[in-house]
Amino acid sequence: MAAEFWEEAAQRDPLYAILSDPSRRGRQWDLASFFETGRREISLLLYQLRRLGHPLAGGRALDFGCGVGRLTQALAPSFTEVIGLDISPTMIALAERLNRVPGVVRYVRNAAPLLSAFPDGHFDFVYSDIVLQHLDPSEARAFVVEFLRVLRPGGLAVFQLPSRRRAADEQPARPSHMPDAAYRARVEAMHVPSELPPAGRGECALRVRNTSGEPWRQDAYGVFRLGNHWRDEAGTMLVQDDGRVALPRTVEPGDAVALTLTVQAPSDAGRYVCEFDLVHEAIWWFADKGSRTLRVPVLVGATGQQENPHTPNEAAAAAGTYPDVYALLPSGAAAVDDFPMHGVPRADVERIVQESGGTLLFVEPDERGGPEWEGYRYFAKTREAR
């Protein structure tokens, strides 16, 4: 049943089936933006792993539930080999057509309930995002066991999984989308520190102007905040969510508000870019809808350069144009909306990891299952060989 469902979804609207942004429903994703979300996600993940003291360096990686390769391609610069695995033949065929680093990345269809195609200890890293939540809980449990089995001693698995469905009175109020044209802002710096100590905090004075023709009304649409990201000098995002400060309840077209935002610098010395943008909480950042951000260079520490995570493989993966993926699919098919959703209690996941020879390094809340679900992202490491 699952194989048929995902194959139908792949033929109808494969990119929306992978990343269900409501504004992209009906084959509205463009491939450049779609793959950029993967590069951003992996960049943030790799930086987080370095901060946790578990940097990834080479070896073999598995992208479980790869779809057309959104994350597989983004993993390629950091590994000597990356395998993307998916249940849908159409997803695998599209991924192969879109593969820009065939010397590093290959795709495999896996219709089995286990990872039987791979021996014990085959991978250094296993990653799965917004995939296990669509599997029957018994299957999700079995795949967590398999993730640990196919990892080498000391290998790392990172996977996301809802834990339980929230009761109606626990669910946060649902925000609603503004018209696309309303997501237009100008952020101006009145004062941003040009230097900060590693992990140091600084106060930023900023002015935010509504340059759209629509009022930003929090009573109608939900919460708006000013926030910041940290990027390296090459533009790779390292920290997506740092500071936050709320906007007034309503900001009319043309009006400007002054805000003070506290930021925290990265913990490594180097040259960075602090990027400021507005976020419509639980919807998207304004930049995702075409609004311009403010970027300010900041020196962290007295000397030193931030290591550049870019590699020739990444440059190759980002170069050139993509084919029209929709032209390869049957015409006139409507997008699939009713995706199956399931969860596995956190206590069960923790027990499975331990019984499978792993240790949980870190568990963080994860909201990608939607407001109806309490969820987590798990960072599990297999025990080192004695």
Protein backbone atom coordinates (compact mmCIF):
# COMPACT_ATOMS: atom_id res chain seq x y z
CA MET A 1 0.00 0.00 0.00
CA ALA A 2 2.74 2.48 0.95
CA ALA A 3 4.66 1.81 -2.27
CA GLU A 4 1.57 2.47 -4.41
CA PHE A 5 0.72 5.66 -2.49
CA TRP A 6 4.17 7.20 -2.88
CA GLU A 7 4.50 6.16 -6.51
CA GLU A 8 1.20 7.88 -7.27
CA ALA A 9 2.34 10.97 -5.35
CA ALA A 10 5.60 10.99 -7.30
CA GLN A 11 3.79 10.92 -10.62
CA ARG A 12 1.31 13.60 -9.59
CA ASP A 13 3.54 16.22 -7.92
CA PRO A 14 6.90 14.84 -6.71
CA LEU A 15 8.38 18.03 -5.28
CA TYR A 16 5.23 18.92 -3.33
CA ALA A 17 5.05 15.34 -2.06
CA ILE A 18 8.56 15.81 -0.61
CA LEU A 19 8.20 19.39 0.67
CA SER A 20 4.55 20.35 1.03
CA ASP A 21 4.71 24.13 1.00
CA PRO A 22 1.07 25.20 0.37
CA SER A 23 2.20 27.95 -2.00
CA ARG A 24 3.93 25.33 -4.18
CA ARG A 25 0.95 23.02 -4.52
CA GLY A 26 0.05 22.03 -8.07
CA ARG A 27 3.58 21.68 -9.50
CA GLN A 28 4.61 25.19 -8.51
CA TRP A 29 8.05 24.34 -7.09
CA ASP A 30 11.00 25.43 -9.23
CA LEU A 31 13.98 23.11 -8.92
CA ALA A 32 16.56 25.76 -8.09
CA SER A 33 14.57 26.90 -5.02
CA PHE A 34 13.72 23.32 -4.12
CA PHE A 35 17.34 22.15 -4.05
CA GLU A 36 18.41 25.32 -2.26
CA THR A 37 16.22 24.28 0.69
CA GLY A 38 18.25 21.07 0.86
CA ARG A 39 21.58 22.88 0.79
CA ARG A 40 20.41 25.17 3.58
CA GLU A 41 19.14 22.26 5.69
CA ILE A 42 22.38 20.29 5.41
CA SER A 43 24.54 23.36 5.99
CA LEU A 44 22.67 24.05 9.24
CA LEU A 45 22.92 20.40 10.26
CA LEU A 46 26.66 20.15 9.66
CA TYR A 47 27.31 23.34 11.60
CA GLN A 48 25.15 22.04 14.48
CA LEU A 49 27.10 18.78 14.52
CA ARG A 50 30.38 20.70 14.73
CA ARG A 51 29.01 22.68 17.67
CA LEU A 52 28.00 19.42 19.36
CA GLY A 53 31.56 18.15 18.96
CA HIS A 54 30.73 15.55 16.30
CA PRO A 55 31.90 16.94 12.95
CA LEU A 56 31.42 14.76 9.88
CA ALA A 57 34.47 14.14 7.75
CA GLY A 58 34.25 11.96 4.66
CA GLY A 59 33.09 8.39 4.50
CA ARG A 60 29.79 7.00 3.27
CA ALA A 61 26.32 8.50 3.91
CA LEU A 62 22.76 7.25 3.46
CA ASP A 63 19.83 9.56 2.72
CA PHE A 64 16.78 7.50 3.70
CA GLY A 65 13.63 8.53 1.80
CA CYS A 66 15.59 10.61 -0.69
CA GLY A 67 12.80 11.55 -3.11
CA VAL A 68 14.40 13.31 -6.08
CA GLY A 69 17.62 13.96 -4.14
CA ARG A 70 16.96 17.27 -2.36
CA LEU A 71 19.18 16.30 0.59
CA THR A 72 21.31 13.68 -1.17
CA GLN A 73 22.84 16.28 -3.46
CA ALA A 74 23.46 18.60 -0.50
CA LEU A 75 25.30 15.85 1.39
CA ALA A 76 27.66 15.15 -1.52
CA PRO A 77 30.34 17.77 -0.67
CA SER A 78 30.94 16.24 2.76
CA PHE A 79 31.28 12.55 1.84
CA THR A 80 33.15 10.32 -0.57
CA GLU A 81 29.94 8.41 -1.35
CA VAL A 82 26.26 9.18 -0.76
CA ILE A 83 23.43 6.74 -1.42
CA GLY A 84 19.86 7.99 -1.77
CA LEU A 85 17.17 5.42 -0.99
CA ASP A 86 13.48 5.65 -1.88
CA ILE A 87 10.49 3.37 -2.33
CA SER A 88 9.16 5.05 -5.50
CA PRO A 89 10.58 4.10 -8.93
CA THR A 90 9.56 7.50 -10.30
CA MET A 91 11.37 9.36 -7.51
CA ILE A 92 14.52 7.32 -8.16
CA ALA A 93 14.31 7.90 -11.93
CA LEU A 94 13.92 11.66 -11.41
CA ALA A 95 16.74 11.71 -8.86
CA GLU A 96 19.07 9.98 -11.30
CA ARG A 97 18.18 12.50 -14.01
CA LEU A 98 18.85 15.41 -11.62
CA ASN A 99 22.09 13.99 -10.19
CA ARG A 100 24.89 16.55 -10.64
CA VAL A 101 27.59 14.57 -8.85
CA PRO A 102 27.26 11.01 -10.23
CA GLY A 103 30.79 10.19 -9.13
CA VAL A 104 29.73 10.69 -5.53
CA VAL A 105 25.95 10.13 -5.45
CA ARG A 106 23.94 7.13 -6.56
CA TYR A 107 20.30 6.21 -6.03
CA VAL A 108 18.77 2.88 -5.05
CA ARG A 109 15.13 1.83 -4.93
CA ASN A 110 14.29 0.00 -1.72
CA ALA A 111 10.85 -1.61 -1.47
CA ALA A 112 11.85 -3.95 1.38
CA PRO A 113 10.74 -3.23 4.95
CA LEU A 114 14.42 -3.36 6.01
CA LEU A 115 17.77 -2.13 4.68
CA SER A 116 18.68 -5.65 3.59
CA ALA A 117 20.68 -4.38 0.59
CA PHE A 118 23.38 -3.11 2.97
CA PRO A 119 25.63 -5.05 5.35
CA ASP A 120 26.31 -4.20 8.97
CA GLY A 121 28.55 -1.18 9.51
CA HIS A 122 28.32 0.02 5.91
CA PHE A 123 27.73 3.75 6.56
CA ASP A 124 29.38 6.53 8.54
CA PHE A 125 26.25 8.67 8.57
CA VAL A 126 22.50 8.08 8.14
CA TYR A 127 20.06 10.95 7.70
CA SER A 128 16.28 10.92 7.43
CA ASP A 129 14.01 13.95 7.53
CA ILE A 130 10.17 14.10 7.29
CA VAL A 131 10.09 10.47 6.14
CA LEU A 132 9.58 8.17 9.13
CA GLN A 133 6.48 10.17 10.09
CA HIS A 134 4.70 8.77 7.03
CA LEU A 135 5.40 5.13 7.88
CA ASP A 136 3.35 2.75 9.99
CA PRO A 137 4.81 2.89 13.53
CA SER A 138 5.97 -0.73 13.36
CA GLU A 139 7.90 0.06 10.16
CA ALA A 140 9.35 3.24 11.63
CA ARG A 141 10.59 1.32 14.66
CA ALA A 142 12.17 -1.34 12.43
CA PHE A 143 13.99 1.28 10.36
CA VAL A 144 15.44 2.97 13.46
CA VAL A 145 16.92 -0.42 14.37
CA GLU A 146 18.25 -0.71 10.81
CA PHE A 147 19.81 2.76 10.92
CA LEU A 148 21.92 1.65 13.86
CA ARG A 149 22.73 -1.73 12.26
CA VAL A 150 24.13 -0.28 9.04
CA LEU A 151 26.29 2.29 10.87
CA ARG A 152 29.92 1.58 11.56
CA PRO A 153 31.09 1.75 15.20
CA GLY A 154 31.13 5.42 16.10
CA GLY A 155 28.81 6.28 13.20
CA LEU A 156 26.01 8.82 13.51
CA ALA A 157 22.31 8.73 12.62
CA VAL A 158 20.09 11.82 12.65
CA PHE A 159 16.37 11.30 12.11
CA GLN A 160 13.10 13.11 12.80
CA LEU A 161 9.95 11.46 14.13
CA PRO A 162 6.72 12.67 15.74
CA SER A 163 6.12 11.32 19.23
CA ARG A 164 2.42 11.81 19.95
CA ARG A 165 -0.63 13.59 18.63
CA ARG A 166 -1.49 16.64 20.72
CA ALA A 167 -4.94 17.06 22.21
CA ALA A 168 -7.01 19.85 20.68
CA ASP A 169 -6.48 22.16 23.66
CA GLU A 170 -2.69 21.68 23.45
CA GLN A 171 -2.37 22.77 19.85
CA PRO A 172 -1.15 26.30 19.17
CA ALA A 173 -3.40 28.67 17.27
CA ARG A 174 -2.97 28.19 13.55
CA PRO A 175 -1.47 31.16 11.68
CA SER A 176 -2.78 31.93 8.21
CA HIS A 177 -0.95 33.01 5.08
CA MET A 178 -0.93 36.61 3.96
CA PRO A 179 -1.09 37.42 0.25
CA ASP A 180 2.36 36.90 -1.29
CA ALA A 181 2.68 40.62 -2.02
CA ALA A 182 2.38 41.40 1.71
CA TYR A 183 5.76 39.77 2.46
CA ARG A 184 7.79 42.85 1.61
CA ALA A 185 9.95 44.64 4.18
CA ARG A 186 13.00 46.85 4.45
CA VAL A 187 15.30 46.27 7.41
CA GLU A 188 17.74 49.10 8.19
CA ALA A 189 20.60 49.06 10.69
CA MET A 190 20.85 51.93 13.15
CA HIS A 191 23.53 50.08 15.13
CA VAL A 192 24.97 46.57 14.71
CA PRO A 193 28.22 45.63 16.51
CA SER A 194 31.05 45.18 14.02
CA GLU A 195 32.96 42.92 16.45
CA LEU A 196 31.86 40.41 19.06
CA PRO A 197 33.72 37.88 21.20
CA PRO A 198 33.13 34.18 20.42
CA ALA A 199 29.64 33.23 21.68
CA GLY A 200 29.28 36.85 22.84
CA ARG A 201 25.98 38.73 22.85
CA GLY A 202 25.33 42.09 21.26
CA GLU A 203 22.45 44.56 21.04
CA CYS A 204 21.34 45.54 17.54
CA ALA A 205 19.18 48.60 16.90
CA LEU A 206 17.15 48.18 13.72
CA ARG A 207 14.29 49.80 11.85
CA VAL A 208 11.70 47.66 10.01
CA ARG A 209 9.43 49.20 7.38
CA ASN A 210 6.37 47.60 5.79
CA THR A 211 7.04 48.23 2.08
CA SER A 212 4.02 46.22 0.92
CA GLY A 213 0.53 47.46 0.28
CA GLU A 214 -0.97 45.24 2.97
CA PRO A 215 -1.12 45.69 6.76
CA TRP A 216 0.70 43.11 8.87
CA ARG A 217 -2.05 42.18 11.32
CA GLN A 218 -1.13 39.65 13.97
CA ASP A 219 -4.75 39.25 15.08
CA ALA A 220 -5.60 38.04 11.56
CA TYR A 221 -2.46 36.23 10.43
CA GLY A 222 -0.43 35.19 13.48
CA VAL A 223 2.87 36.29 15.00
CA PHE A 224 5.53 38.33 13.16
CA ARG A 225 9.05 38.74 14.53
CA LEU A 226 12.38 40.16 13.49
CA GLY A 227 15.13 37.54 13.66
CA ASN A 228 18.66 36.89 12.51
CA HIS A 229 20.81 34.20 10.93
CA TRP A 230 24.57 33.73 10.85
CA ARG A 231 26.35 32.97 7.57
CA ASP A 232 29.98 32.47 6.69
CA GLU A 233 31.68 34.85 4.25
CA ALA A 234 30.80 32.59 1.32
CA GLY A 235 27.10 32.91 2.17
CA THR A 236 26.51 29.44 3.63
CA MET A 237 23.97 29.60 6.43
CA LEU A 238 25.38 28.29 9.71
CA VAL A 239 22.72 29.30 12.26
CA GLN A 240 19.19 29.90 11.03
CA ASP A 241 17.49 30.81 14.30
CA ASP A 242 19.36 33.08 16.70
CA GLY A 243 17.58 36.11 18.16
CA ARG A 244 13.91 37.05 17.96
CA VAL A 245 11.93 40.18 18.83
CA ALA A 246 8.20 40.65 18.25
CA LEU A 247 6.69 43.32 16.02
CA PRO A 248 3.74 45.46 17.13
CA ARG A 249 0.34 43.85 16.68
CA THR A 250 -0.28 45.79 13.45
CA VAL A 251 2.13 47.52 11.08
CA GLU A 252 0.40 49.48 8.35
CA PRO A 253 1.78 49.86 4.80
CA GLY A 254 4.60 52.41 4.77
CA ASP A 255 4.97 52.47 8.55
CA ALA A 256 8.33 51.78 10.24
CA VAL A 257 9.05 50.47 13.73
CA ALA A 258 12.28 50.60 15.73
CA LEU A 259 13.34 47.34 17.41
CA THR A 260 16.22 46.11 19.53
CA LEU A 261 17.38 42.57 18.84
CA THR A 262 19.91 40.64 20.94
CA VAL A 263 22.17 38.36 18.87
CA GLN A 264 24.69 35.74 19.96
CA ALA A 265 27.82 35.28 17.87
CA PRO A 266 29.09 31.85 16.74
CA SER A 267 31.49 30.21 19.17
CA ASP A 268 34.41 30.01 16.69
CA ALA A 269 36.53 33.04 15.85
CA GLY A 270 36.28 34.20 12.27
CA ARG A 271 34.55 36.55 9.86
CA TYR A 272 30.79 36.14 9.59
CA VAL A 273 27.70 37.81 8.18
CA CYS A 274 24.76 38.55 10.45
CA GLU A 275 21.59 38.47 8.36
CA PHE A 276 18.34 40.09 9.52
CA ASP A 277 14.91 39.15 8.22
CA LEU A 278 11.28 39.02 9.30
CA VAL A 279 9.63 35.71 10.08
CA HIS A 280 5.93 34.88 9.94
CA GLU A 281 6.07 32.29 12.68
CA ALA A 282 5.12 28.74 11.62
CA ILE A 283 4.74 29.97 8.02
CA TRP A 284 8.03 31.19 6.52
CA TRP A 285 10.69 33.87 6.47
CA PHE A 286 9.93 36.94 4.39
CA ALA A 287 13.00 36.18 2.24
CA ASP A 288 11.34 32.93 1.18
CA LYS A 289 8.72 35.08 -0.55
CA GLY A 290 11.24 37.41 -2.21
CA SER A 291 11.75 40.13 0.40
CA ARG A 292 15.30 41.52 0.75
CA THR A 293 17.28 40.88 3.92
CA LEU A 294 19.90 43.02 5.65
CA ARG A 295 23.39 41.50 5.85
CA VAL A 296 26.08 43.01 8.09
CA PRO A 297 29.68 41.69 8.36
CA VAL A 298 30.77 40.90 11.92
CA LEU A 299 34.24 39.92 13.13
CA VAL A 300 34.07 37.30 15.87
CA GLY A 301 37.21 37.17 17.99
CA ALA A 302 40.39 39.19 17.39
CA THR A 303 41.79 37.09 14.54
CA GLY A 304 41.18 33.98 12.51
CA GLN A 305 39.14 32.96 9.53
CA GLN A 306 36.01 30.85 9.51
CA GLU A 307 36.75 27.56 7.78
CA ASN A 308 35.11 27.44 4.36
CA PRO A 309 32.85 24.40 4.11
CA HIS A 310 32.50 24.67 0.35
CA THR A 311 34.19 22.07 -1.85
CA PRO A 312 34.52 21.52 -5.61
CA ASN A 313 31.78 18.88 -5.36
CA GLU A 314 29.38 21.45 -3.95
CA ALA A 315 30.23 23.94 -6.67
CA ALA A 316 29.48 21.30 -9.28
CA ALA A 317 26.20 20.42 -7.62
CA ALA A 318 25.08 24.05 -7.65
CA ALA A 319 26.13 24.87 -11.23
CA GLY A 320 24.00 25.02 -14.35
CA THR A 321 20.26 24.86 -14.89
CA TYR A 322 17.79 22.10 -14.15
CA PRO A 323 15.54 20.34 -16.68
CA ASP A 324 11.79 20.77 -16.54
CA VAL A 325 11.00 17.92 -14.17
CA TYR A 326 7.26 18.28 -14.67
CA ALA A 327 7.60 17.67 -18.41
CA LEU A 328 8.75 14.14 -17.57
CA LEU A 329 5.50 13.33 -15.72
CA PRO A 330 1.90 12.59 -16.73
CA SER A 331 0.01 15.83 -17.35
CA GLY A 332 -3.05 17.08 -15.51
CA ALA A 333 -2.55 15.20 -12.25
CA ALA A 334 -3.66 16.85 -9.01
CA ALA A 335 -1.34 17.01 -6.01
CA VAL A 336 -1.77 14.54 -3.16
CA ASP A 337 -2.74 16.26 0.09
CA ASP A 338 -3.83 13.51 2.46
CA PHE A 339 -0.42 12.24 3.56
CA PRO A 340 -0.40 9.47 6.18
CA MET A 341 0.94 10.66 9.55
CA HIS A 342 2.09 8.52 12.46
CA GLY A 343 4.30 8.78 15.50
CA VAL A 344 6.44 6.69 17.82
CA PRO A 345 6.63 7.74 21.50
CA ARG A 346 9.93 9.30 22.47
CA ALA A 347 10.44 6.72 25.22
CA ASP A 348 10.15 3.94 22.63
CA VAL A 349 12.71 5.58 20.37
CA GLU A 350 15.15 6.02 23.25
CA ARG A 351 14.74 2.36 24.21
CA ILE A 352 15.20 1.17 20.60
CA VAL A 353 18.39 3.18 20.22
CA GLN A 354 19.84 1.79 23.42
CA GLU A 355 18.86 -1.82 22.64
CA SER A 356 20.36 -1.48 19.15
CA GLY A 357 23.79 -0.57 20.50
CA GLY A 358 23.47 3.18 20.23
CA THR A 359 23.64 6.23 22.45
CA LEU A 360 21.52 9.35 22.10
CA LEU A 361 23.84 12.34 21.94
CA PHE A 362 21.12 14.94 21.65
CA VAL A 363 17.35 15.21 21.25
CA GLU A 364 15.68 18.43 20.14
CA PRO A 365 12.02 19.40 19.66
CA ASP A 366 10.85 19.24 16.06
CA GLU A 367 7.66 20.78 14.69
CA ARG A 368 7.78 19.50 11.11
CA GLY A 369 4.99 17.04 11.78
CA GLY A 370 2.69 20.06 12.12
CA PRO A 371 0.99 21.66 15.13
CA GLU A 372 -1.05 18.50 15.77
CA TRP A 373 2.10 16.58 16.66
CA GLU A 374 4.74 16.76 19.35
CA GLY A 375 7.93 15.64 17.64
CA TYR A 376 11.68 15.33 18.03
CA ARG A 377 14.88 15.08 16.07
CA TYR A 378 17.25 12.41 17.38
CA PHE A 379 21.06 12.36 17.16
CA ALA A 380 22.16 8.75 17.79
CA LYS A 381 25.70 7.40 17.77
CA THR A 382 26.76 3.76 17.63
CA ARG A 383 29.19 2.59 20.27
CA GLU A 384 32.87 2.64 19.39
CA ALA A 385 34.60 -0.68 18.74
CA ARG A 386 36.71 -1.90 21.66
